[in-house]
Amino acid sequence: MSEPTRSTRLRPSGRRAIGAAVVNLIVIAALVAIPLFFEPFRVTQFTQILVVALAVMGLNLLTGFTGQISVGHSAFFGFGAYSVGVIMANTDAPMPVALAAGTAIGALAGAVIGLPSLRIKDTSLAIVTLVFGASFPALVNMFTGLTGGTQGLRVERISPAEDFPFAADQTRYYVVLCAVLVVAACVLLLDRSRTGRELRALGDNEIAAVTFGVNAPRLRIGVFTASAAITALAGGLFAVTNGFISSGTSFVTILGSIEFLTALVIGGRAILIGPLLGAAIAQLLPAQLGQESPELAHLVYGVVLIVILLLAPGGLTGLRPSTWFRSRGPELPPLPTTAPPTKGSTA
């Protein structure tokens, strides 16, 4: 008998990993090429989509890893945006320093708001974050002399150097794209680390995770802080790419939180493609529907979201058409391996 030969074929998990890597590389290449083929208006629109995707990455870090739902990430976005705007308007700090400070302030706010997550979760935590997000515009209006209130605050925009080969709109796009890719790489490293596994275990079954030595309070505060920092960075980048913020800007109101959540639900929990796909649909589809039929725009958009939830509960990146019409019947008890004893049988 010949000796068994070792199979050189890849396992299904290995093939999926290679396929995911190839898809991500194609997406990154497409993102790099976008500003070279579109007019400035479209490039600016794509830049805003990247900003929203970055904010969704921050929310995904909290929801995707630990299962905690936040409806207050618009406030973290606002902390980042206003911190950068106020610092640049009142000091001589360079833009990178202002962005770093805005990110740090957002992280601090996340650590403070994350404290209730040590005792409450699920619906109660969502309500606490909802109140926090809804109150942020009022907080901005309390300090009108500093923030501009409803009149808004003008912020210096990113501009290229004299000999830089790209136009202003392209430069702003590439700066935000670099931030998105760096954050995605950091989240990917976290996902494959021991801390990432502990976070997922905490989200799946907290009691079991704590039993195996997971430090739940430290992880909950840490993930809230990191999530808020990423969203605050998105807010800071919005300020220096848009050039204007006010308490009525949708991204710093509760509507911003709803849009971030909607984009997360649409795109799914994939680290890079999920937020990008969800942000693109959440930004472009309502605007397009509003142009085609303003009266039915909200109705059609709602129907589209319902269809996505029915066909892809895990988001479009987790779409599996083969399971759409597959129904699982009731589980039957296993067949006995031995025949039951009869009345006349002896032991």
Protein backbone atom coordinates (compact mmCIF):
# COMPACT_ATOMS: atom_id res chain seq x y z
CA MET A 1 0.00 0.00 0.00
CA SER A 2 1.42 3.40 -0.94
CA GLU A 3 1.94 6.01 1.76
CA PRO A 4 -0.63 8.83 1.86
CA THR A 5 0.54 12.02 0.22
CA ARG A 6 0.11 15.40 1.84
CA SER A 7 -2.45 17.56 0.07
CA THR A 8 -1.09 20.84 -1.23
CA ARG A 9 -4.52 22.40 -1.69
CA LEU A 10 -5.39 25.39 0.45
CA ARG A 11 -7.98 25.02 3.15
CA PRO A 12 -11.25 26.95 2.70
CA SER A 13 -10.19 29.46 5.38
CA GLY A 14 -6.91 30.07 3.57
CA ARG A 15 -8.67 30.60 0.24
CA ARG A 16 -11.08 33.05 1.86
CA ALA A 17 -8.19 35.00 3.39
CA ILE A 18 -6.42 35.25 0.04
CA GLY A 19 -9.64 36.27 -1.68
CA ALA A 20 -10.31 38.96 0.93
CA ALA A 21 -6.76 40.29 0.55
CA VAL A 22 -7.11 40.49 -3.23
CA VAL A 23 -10.45 42.31 -2.96
CA ASN A 24 -9.00 44.78 -0.46
CA LEU A 25 -6.03 45.50 -2.74
CA ILE A 26 -8.37 46.13 -5.67
CA VAL A 27 -10.48 48.47 -3.56
CA ILE A 28 -7.41 50.38 -2.36
CA ALA A 29 -6.14 50.74 -5.94
CA ALA A 30 -9.54 52.06 -7.02
CA LEU A 31 -9.59 54.53 -4.13
CA VAL A 32 -6.16 55.84 -5.08
CA ALA A 33 -7.21 56.31 -8.70
CA ILE A 34 -10.56 58.05 -8.07
CA PRO A 35 -9.32 61.69 -7.91
CA LEU A 36 -7.50 61.29 -11.22
CA PHE A 37 -10.69 60.64 -13.21
CA PHE A 38 -13.34 62.90 -11.65
CA GLU A 39 -14.01 66.62 -11.55
CA PRO A 40 -13.39 68.61 -8.31
CA PHE A 41 -17.03 68.50 -7.22
CA ARG A 42 -17.10 64.70 -7.31
CA VAL A 43 -13.71 64.45 -5.62
CA THR A 44 -15.03 66.63 -2.78
CA GLN A 45 -18.07 64.37 -2.54
CA PHE A 46 -15.86 61.28 -2.35
CA THR A 47 -13.77 62.99 0.33
CA GLN A 48 -16.87 63.42 2.48
CA ILE A 49 -17.72 59.74 1.94
CA LEU A 50 -14.25 58.82 3.25
CA VAL A 51 -14.82 61.04 6.30
CA VAL A 52 -18.10 59.27 7.04
CA ALA A 53 -16.43 55.89 6.48
CA LEU A 54 -13.76 56.81 9.03
CA ALA A 55 -16.44 57.69 11.58
CA VAL A 56 -18.19 54.39 10.85
CA MET A 57 -14.88 52.58 11.46
CA GLY A 58 -14.85 54.08 14.93
CA LEU A 59 -18.41 52.94 15.57
CA ASN A 60 -17.63 49.52 14.10
CA LEU A 61 -14.78 49.11 16.58
CA LEU A 62 -17.28 49.47 19.42
CA THR A 63 -20.27 47.65 17.96
CA GLY A 64 -18.49 45.04 15.86
CA PHE A 65 -16.13 43.87 18.60
CA THR A 66 -18.17 44.16 21.79
CA GLY A 67 -21.75 44.43 20.54
CA GLN A 68 -22.34 47.75 22.35
CA ILE A 69 -24.62 50.18 20.53
CA SER A 70 -23.87 53.90 20.63
CA VAL A 71 -26.24 56.54 19.32
CA GLY A 72 -23.97 59.36 20.44
CA HIS A 73 -21.00 59.16 18.09
CA SER A 74 -22.07 62.40 16.44
CA ALA A 75 -20.94 64.12 19.66
CA PHE A 76 -17.45 62.59 19.38
CA PHE A 77 -17.40 63.73 15.75
CA GLY A 78 -18.35 67.20 16.94
CA PHE A 79 -15.70 67.25 19.68
CA GLY A 80 -13.05 66.49 17.09
CA ALA A 81 -14.35 69.02 14.56
CA TYR A 82 -14.79 71.90 17.02
CA SER A 83 -11.55 71.20 18.86
CA VAL A 84 -9.59 71.47 15.62
CA GLY A 85 -11.53 74.56 14.53
CA VAL A 86 -11.17 76.42 17.84
CA ILE A 87 -7.48 75.57 18.21
CA MET A 88 -6.63 76.69 14.69
CA ALA A 89 -8.73 79.86 14.98
CA ASN A 90 -7.23 80.99 18.31
CA THR A 91 -3.65 79.71 18.24
CA ASP A 92 -0.76 79.36 15.84
CA ALA A 93 -0.74 75.58 16.18
CA PRO A 94 -0.09 73.77 12.90
CA MET A 95 -2.86 71.63 11.46
CA PRO A 96 -1.35 68.23 12.42
CA VAL A 97 -1.06 69.36 16.04
CA ALA A 98 -4.66 70.58 16.03
CA LEU A 99 -5.82 67.24 14.58
CA ALA A 100 -3.88 65.32 17.22
CA ALA A 101 -5.36 67.52 19.97
CA GLY A 102 -8.88 67.07 18.62
CA THR A 103 -8.42 63.32 18.52
CA ALA A 104 -7.15 63.31 22.11
CA ILE A 105 -10.08 65.42 23.31
CA GLY A 106 -12.51 63.06 21.59
CA ALA A 107 -10.77 60.08 23.20
CA LEU A 108 -11.09 61.72 26.63
CA ALA A 109 -14.79 62.30 26.04
CA GLY A 110 -15.12 58.66 25.01
CA ALA A 111 -13.45 57.49 28.20
CA VAL A 112 -15.86 59.57 30.29
CA ILE A 113 -18.96 58.47 28.39
CA GLY A 114 -17.70 54.88 28.46
CA LEU A 115 -17.89 54.77 32.25
CA PRO A 116 -21.63 53.97 32.26
CA SER A 117 -20.87 50.91 30.08
CA LEU A 118 -19.33 49.30 33.17
CA ARG A 119 -22.77 49.00 34.76
CA ILE A 120 -25.32 49.30 31.97
CA LYS A 121 -25.49 47.93 28.43
CA ASP A 122 -27.79 47.17 25.53
CA THR A 123 -30.85 49.45 25.43
CA SER A 124 -29.93 51.41 28.55
CA LEU A 125 -26.48 52.24 27.19
CA ALA A 126 -27.99 53.22 23.83
CA ILE A 127 -30.34 55.66 25.60
CA VAL A 128 -27.46 57.22 27.57
CA THR A 129 -25.44 57.76 24.39
CA LEU A 130 -28.55 59.05 22.62
CA VAL A 131 -29.00 61.77 25.25
CA PHE A 132 -25.29 62.61 24.99
CA GLY A 133 -25.43 62.95 21.22
CA ALA A 134 -28.68 64.94 21.22
CA SER A 135 -27.32 67.45 23.75
CA PHE A 136 -24.10 68.27 21.88
CA PRO A 137 -25.57 71.03 19.62
CA ALA A 138 -26.96 72.75 22.74
CA LEU A 139 -23.48 72.55 24.29
CA VAL A 140 -22.03 74.21 21.19
CA ASN A 141 -24.61 77.01 21.36
CA MET A 142 -23.74 77.68 25.02
CA PHE A 143 -20.27 78.86 23.96
CA THR A 144 -21.20 80.97 20.95
CA GLY A 145 -18.24 83.30 21.41
CA LEU A 146 -15.87 80.39 20.98
CA THR A 147 -17.70 78.07 18.60
CA GLY A 148 -19.79 80.49 16.56
CA GLY A 149 -23.01 78.70 17.53
CA THR A 150 -25.57 78.62 14.76
CA GLN A 151 -23.55 81.14 12.76
CA GLY A 152 -20.78 78.62 12.45
CA LEU A 153 -17.01 78.62 12.59
CA ARG A 154 -14.71 78.91 9.60
CA VAL A 155 -11.70 76.62 9.59
CA GLU A 156 -8.58 76.75 7.48
CA ARG A 157 -8.76 74.03 4.85
CA ILE A 158 -6.01 71.68 3.76
CA SER A 159 -4.14 73.24 0.86
CA PRO A 160 -1.25 71.83 -1.20
CA ALA A 161 2.24 73.27 -1.29
CA GLU A 162 3.29 75.34 -4.28
CA ASP A 163 5.14 72.55 -6.08
CA PHE A 164 2.75 69.78 -5.04
CA PRO A 165 1.58 67.76 -8.08
CA PHE A 166 -2.08 67.53 -6.99
CA ALA A 167 -4.86 70.12 -6.88
CA ALA A 168 -6.44 71.24 -3.61
CA ASP A 169 -9.42 68.88 -3.86
CA GLN A 170 -7.14 65.93 -4.68
CA THR A 171 -4.80 66.78 -1.80
CA ARG A 172 -7.64 66.83 0.71
CA TYR A 173 -8.92 63.52 -0.64
CA TYR A 174 -5.56 61.80 -0.32
CA VAL A 175 -5.00 63.10 3.23
CA VAL A 176 -8.33 61.61 4.35
CA LEU A 177 -7.64 58.41 2.41
CA CYS A 178 -4.30 57.99 4.20
CA ALA A 179 -6.07 58.37 7.55
CA VAL A 180 -8.69 55.77 6.54
CA LEU A 181 -6.06 53.24 5.46
CA VAL A 182 -3.90 53.76 8.57
CA VAL A 183 -6.91 53.34 10.88
CA ALA A 184 -8.05 50.25 8.97
CA ALA A 185 -4.58 48.72 9.31
CA CYS A 186 -4.55 49.42 13.06
CA VAL A 187 -8.00 47.89 13.52
CA LEU A 188 -6.92 44.84 11.51
CA LEU A 189 -3.88 44.38 13.76
CA LEU A 190 -6.12 44.73 16.81
CA ASP A 191 -8.54 42.17 15.37
CA ARG A 192 -5.74 39.61 15.07
CA SER A 193 -4.21 40.33 18.46
CA ARG A 194 -4.98 38.83 21.84
CA THR A 195 -6.82 42.01 22.84
CA GLY A 196 -9.05 41.66 19.79
CA ARG A 197 -9.91 38.09 20.69
CA GLU A 198 -10.69 39.17 24.24
CA LEU A 199 -12.97 41.93 22.95
CA ARG A 200 -14.87 39.49 20.76
CA ALA A 201 -15.18 37.04 23.62
CA LEU A 202 -16.50 39.87 25.79
CA GLY A 203 -19.12 40.68 23.16
CA ASP A 204 -20.16 37.04 22.68
CA ASN A 205 -20.41 36.00 26.33
CA GLU A 206 -19.22 38.37 29.04
CA ILE A 207 -19.62 35.88 31.89
CA ALA A 208 -17.56 33.24 30.12
CA ALA A 209 -14.93 35.82 29.12
CA VAL A 210 -14.53 37.06 32.69
CA THR A 211 -14.31 33.47 33.89
CA PHE A 212 -11.32 32.93 31.62
CA GLY A 213 -9.56 36.02 32.98
CA VAL A 214 -10.67 38.81 30.65
CA ASN A 215 -10.50 42.23 32.32
CA ALA A 216 -13.93 43.50 31.26
CA PRO A 217 -13.80 47.04 32.77
CA ARG A 218 -10.42 47.81 31.21
CA LEU A 219 -11.49 46.55 27.80
CA ARG A 220 -14.83 48.36 27.81
CA ILE A 221 -13.27 51.71 28.69
CA GLY A 222 -10.44 51.10 26.24
CA VAL A 223 -12.65 50.25 23.28
CA PHE A 224 -14.95 53.20 24.00
CA THR A 225 -11.92 55.50 24.11
CA ALA A 226 -10.43 54.15 20.88
CA SER A 227 -13.78 54.26 19.11
CA ALA A 228 -14.36 57.87 20.13
CA ALA A 229 -10.81 58.83 19.11
CA ILE A 230 -11.30 57.49 15.57
CA THR A 231 -14.64 59.29 15.20
CA ALA A 232 -13.11 62.51 16.59
CA LEU A 233 -10.33 62.22 14.01
CA ALA A 234 -13.02 61.97 11.34
CA GLY A 235 -14.61 65.12 12.74
CA GLY A 236 -11.30 66.97 12.69
CA LEU A 237 -10.68 65.94 9.09
CA PHE A 238 -14.19 67.07 8.19
CA ALA A 239 -13.41 70.52 9.61
CA VAL A 240 -10.18 70.96 7.64
CA THR A 241 -11.62 69.57 4.40
CA ASN A 242 -15.02 71.27 4.52
CA GLY A 243 -13.78 74.57 5.98
CA PHE A 244 -16.93 75.31 7.98
CA ILE A 245 -18.81 73.79 10.91
CA SER A 246 -21.85 74.88 12.89
CA SER A 247 -24.24 73.48 15.46
CA GLY A 248 -26.62 72.77 12.58
CA THR A 249 -24.16 70.62 10.64
CA SER A 250 -25.90 67.28 10.35
CA PHE A 251 -22.86 65.24 11.35
CA VAL A 252 -22.68 66.87 14.81
CA THR A 253 -26.40 66.39 15.50
CA ILE A 254 -28.28 63.22 16.30
CA LEU A 255 -28.84 62.80 12.56
CA GLY A 256 -25.13 62.15 12.24
CA SER A 257 -25.30 59.28 14.73
CA ILE A 258 -28.24 57.79 12.84
CA GLU A 259 -26.33 58.05 9.56
CA PHE A 260 -23.26 56.37 11.07
CA LEU A 261 -25.41 53.52 12.40
CA THR A 262 -27.24 53.21 9.10
CA ALA A 263 -23.96 53.02 7.18
CA LEU A 264 -22.70 50.34 9.58
CA VAL A 265 -25.86 48.28 9.12
CA ILE A 266 -25.72 48.63 5.33
CA GLY A 267 -22.03 47.89 4.88
CA GLY A 268 -21.53 45.28 7.56
CA ARG A 269 -18.65 44.69 9.92
CA ALA A 270 -15.84 44.20 7.38
CA ILE A 271 -13.00 46.42 8.58
CA LEU A 272 -12.37 48.42 5.38
CA ILE A 273 -14.94 47.59 2.71
CA GLY A 274 -17.93 47.58 5.08
CA PRO A 275 -17.63 51.20 6.25
CA LEU A 276 -16.72 52.38 2.74
CA LEU A 277 -19.69 50.67 1.12
CA GLY A 278 -22.11 51.73 3.85
CA ALA A 279 -20.90 55.35 3.80
CA ALA A 280 -21.16 55.55 0.01
CA ILE A 281 -24.75 54.28 -0.02
CA ALA A 282 -25.80 56.37 2.99
CA GLN A 283 -24.39 59.50 1.37
CA LEU A 284 -25.24 59.03 -2.31
CA LEU A 285 -28.55 57.15 -2.34
CA PRO A 286 -30.71 59.65 -0.37
CA ALA A 287 -29.33 62.56 -2.42
CA GLN A 288 -30.04 60.77 -5.69
CA LEU A 289 -33.54 59.77 -4.59
CA GLY A 290 -34.21 63.35 -3.50
CA GLN A 291 -33.37 64.58 -6.98
CA GLU A 292 -35.52 61.98 -8.71
CA SER A 293 -38.59 62.16 -6.47
CA PRO A 294 -38.44 64.41 -3.37
CA GLU A 295 -41.89 63.27 -2.22
CA LEU A 296 -41.02 59.57 -2.20
CA ALA A 297 -37.31 59.79 -1.35
CA HIS A 298 -37.62 58.85 2.34
CA LEU A 299 -40.13 56.07 1.62
CA VAL A 300 -37.96 54.49 -1.08
CA TYR A 301 -34.85 54.79 1.06
CA GLY A 302 -36.63 53.09 3.94
CA VAL A 303 -37.78 50.26 1.68
CA VAL A 304 -34.21 49.79 0.41
CA LEU A 305 -32.92 49.55 4.00
CA ILE A 306 -35.60 46.98 4.89
CA VAL A 307 -34.69 44.86 1.86
CA ILE A 308 -31.01 45.00 2.81
CA LEU A 309 -31.82 43.93 6.36
CA LEU A 310 -33.93 41.02 5.11
CA LEU A 311 -31.49 39.73 2.50
CA ALA A 312 -28.26 40.61 4.30
CA PRO A 313 -28.75 40.84 8.08
CA GLY A 314 -24.98 41.11 8.49
CA GLY A 315 -24.62 43.90 5.92
CA LEU A 316 -23.75 43.81 2.24
CA THR A 317 -20.22 42.56 2.90
CA GLY A 318 -21.72 39.46 4.51
CA LEU A 319 -24.16 38.87 1.68
CA ARG A 320 -24.74 35.19 0.84
CA PRO A 321 -27.36 34.83 -1.92
CA SER A 322 -27.37 31.03 -1.50
CA THR A 323 -29.12 31.43 1.88
CA TRP A 324 -31.91 33.76 0.74
CA PHE A 325 -34.51 31.08 0.09
CA ARG A 326 -33.10 28.35 2.29
CA SER A 327 -35.28 27.39 5.22
CA ARG A 328 -34.12 25.27 8.07
CA GLY A 329 -36.61 22.70 9.24
CA PRO A 330 -37.08 21.72 12.84
CA GLU A 331 -34.18 19.82 14.36
CA LEU A 332 -35.06 16.16 14.87
CA PRO A 333 -33.77 14.16 17.82
CA PRO A 334 -30.90 11.79 16.97
CA LEU A 335 -31.78 8.20 16.17
CA PRO A 336 -31.03 5.70 18.96
CA THR A 337 -27.88 3.67 18.43
CA THR A 338 -29.33 0.57 20.12
CA ALA A 339 -32.79 -0.89 20.10
CA PRO A 340 -34.88 -0.26 23.23
CA PRO A 341 -35.31 -3.31 25.51
CA THR A 342 -38.50 -5.34 25.17
CA LYS A 343 -40.71 -6.48 28.03
CA GLY A 344 -39.52 -10.05 27.99
CA SER A 345 -35.84 -9.31 27.70
CA THR A 346 -33.43 -9.80 30.56
CA ALA A 347 -30.58 -7.49 31.53
